[in-house]
């Protein structure tokens, strides 16, 4: 990943965007030496969004299974106090 100051990016917008779009580079923009944003291609963003959707789907399935297990009596609710006692917290 390339790291460039925002001031440099302002002077080289077209060149920097070409690196992102055509070379697939990720570019981190910096202010005062700290990364504040990252430029990625639309293709990469779409992949990241697909991953997020899949993670949400998995989380939902796991939550529904946990609710089903609670309702069926397979699992039980454990109080926070009991957890703390068990682990000596």
Protein backbone atom coordinates (compact mmCIF):
# COMPACT_ATOMS: atom_id res chain seq x y z
CA UNK A 1 0.00 0.00 0.00
CA UNK A 2 1.21 3.46 -0.87
CA UNK A 3 0.94 6.20 1.79
CA UNK A 4 0.80 9.81 0.63
CA UNK A 5 -0.01 13.10 2.33
CA UNK A 6 -3.32 14.70 1.38
CA UNK A 7 -1.42 17.78 0.16
CA UNK A 8 0.51 15.60 -2.30
CA UNK A 9 -2.70 13.86 -3.37
CA UNK A 10 -4.25 17.23 -4.20
CA UNK A 11 -1.44 17.88 -6.66
CA UNK A 12 -1.51 14.38 -8.18
CA UNK A 13 -5.18 13.38 -8.15
CA UNK A 14 -5.33 12.02 -11.70
CA UNK A 15 -2.09 10.04 -11.38
CA UNK A 16 -3.07 8.64 -8.00
CA UNK A 17 -6.53 7.61 -9.20
CA UNK A 18 -4.99 5.88 -12.21
CA UNK A 19 -2.78 3.85 -9.87
CA UNK A 20 -5.85 2.81 -7.90
CA UNK A 21 -8.13 2.08 -10.85
CA UNK A 22 -5.73 0.54 -13.36
CA UNK A 23 -2.88 -0.83 -11.27
CA UNK A 24 -5.10 -2.00 -8.40
CA UNK A 25 -3.00 -0.17 -5.83
CA UNK A 26 -4.41 0.87 -2.48
CA UNK A 27 -3.49 4.39 -1.48
CA UNK A 28 -3.63 5.60 2.11
CA UNK A 29 -4.07 9.34 2.49
CA UNK A 30 -2.28 10.92 5.44
CA UNK A 31 -2.69 14.02 7.55
CA UNK A 32 0.11 14.92 9.92
CA UNK A 33 1.75 11.58 9.16
CA UNK A 34 -1.31 9.49 10.12
CA UNK A 35 -3.48 7.50 7.73
CA UNK A 36 -6.98 9.02 7.57
CA UNK A 37 -8.55 7.38 4.50
CA UNK A 38 -7.82 4.76 1.87
CA UNK A 39 -8.56 4.79 -1.84
CA UNK A 40 -9.49 1.44 -3.37
CA UNK A 41 -10.93 0.51 -6.75
CA UNK A 42 -14.66 -0.04 -7.21
CA UNK A 43 -13.94 -3.70 -7.92
CA UNK A 44 -12.22 -4.08 -4.56
CA UNK A 45 -15.00 -2.17 -2.78
CA UNK A 46 -17.61 -4.50 -4.31
CA UNK A 47 -15.64 -7.52 -3.03
CA UNK A 48 -15.41 -5.99 0.46
CA UNK A 49 -19.16 -5.29 0.47
CA UNK A 50 -19.90 -8.87 -0.61
CA UNK A 51 -17.77 -10.15 2.27
CA UNK A 52 -19.69 -7.90 4.70
CA UNK A 53 -23.01 -9.23 3.39
CA UNK A 54 -21.83 -12.83 3.80
CA UNK A 55 -20.65 -12.08 7.35
CA UNK A 56 -24.05 -10.54 8.15
CA UNK A 57 -25.79 -13.62 6.75
CA UNK A 58 -23.61 -15.93 8.87
CA UNK A 59 -24.23 -13.80 11.98
CA UNK A 60 -27.98 -13.92 11.40
CA UNK A 61 -27.96 -17.70 10.95
CA UNK A 62 -25.94 -18.14 14.14
CA UNK A 63 -28.26 -15.83 16.08
CA UNK A 64 -31.35 -17.70 14.85
CA UNK A 65 -29.76 -21.03 15.79
CA UNK A 66 -28.92 -19.70 19.26
CA UNK A 67 -32.51 -18.54 19.75
CA UNK A 68 -33.81 -21.91 18.59
CA UNK A 69 -31.47 -23.71 21.01
CA UNK A 70 -32.66 -21.47 23.87
CA UNK A 71 -36.33 -22.06 23.08
CA UNK A 72 -35.85 -25.83 22.78
CA UNK A 73 -34.02 -26.01 26.09
CA UNK A 74 -30.81 -27.26 24.45
CA UNK A 75 -29.00 -24.18 25.78
CA UNK A 76 -29.68 -21.98 28.76
CA UNK A 77 -29.06 -18.35 29.59
CA UNK A 78 -26.11 -17.82 31.91
CA UNK A 79 -26.04 -14.66 33.99
CA UNK A 80 -23.07 -12.34 33.86
CA UNK A 81 -22.61 -12.83 37.61
CA UNK A 82 -22.30 -16.60 37.09
CA UNK A 83 -19.72 -16.09 34.35
CA UNK A 84 -17.67 -13.80 36.58
CA UNK A 85 -17.80 -16.33 39.42
CA UNK A 86 -16.75 -19.18 37.14
CA UNK A 87 -13.73 -17.30 35.83
CA UNK A 88 -12.85 -15.56 39.10
CA UNK A 89 -13.46 -12.07 37.80
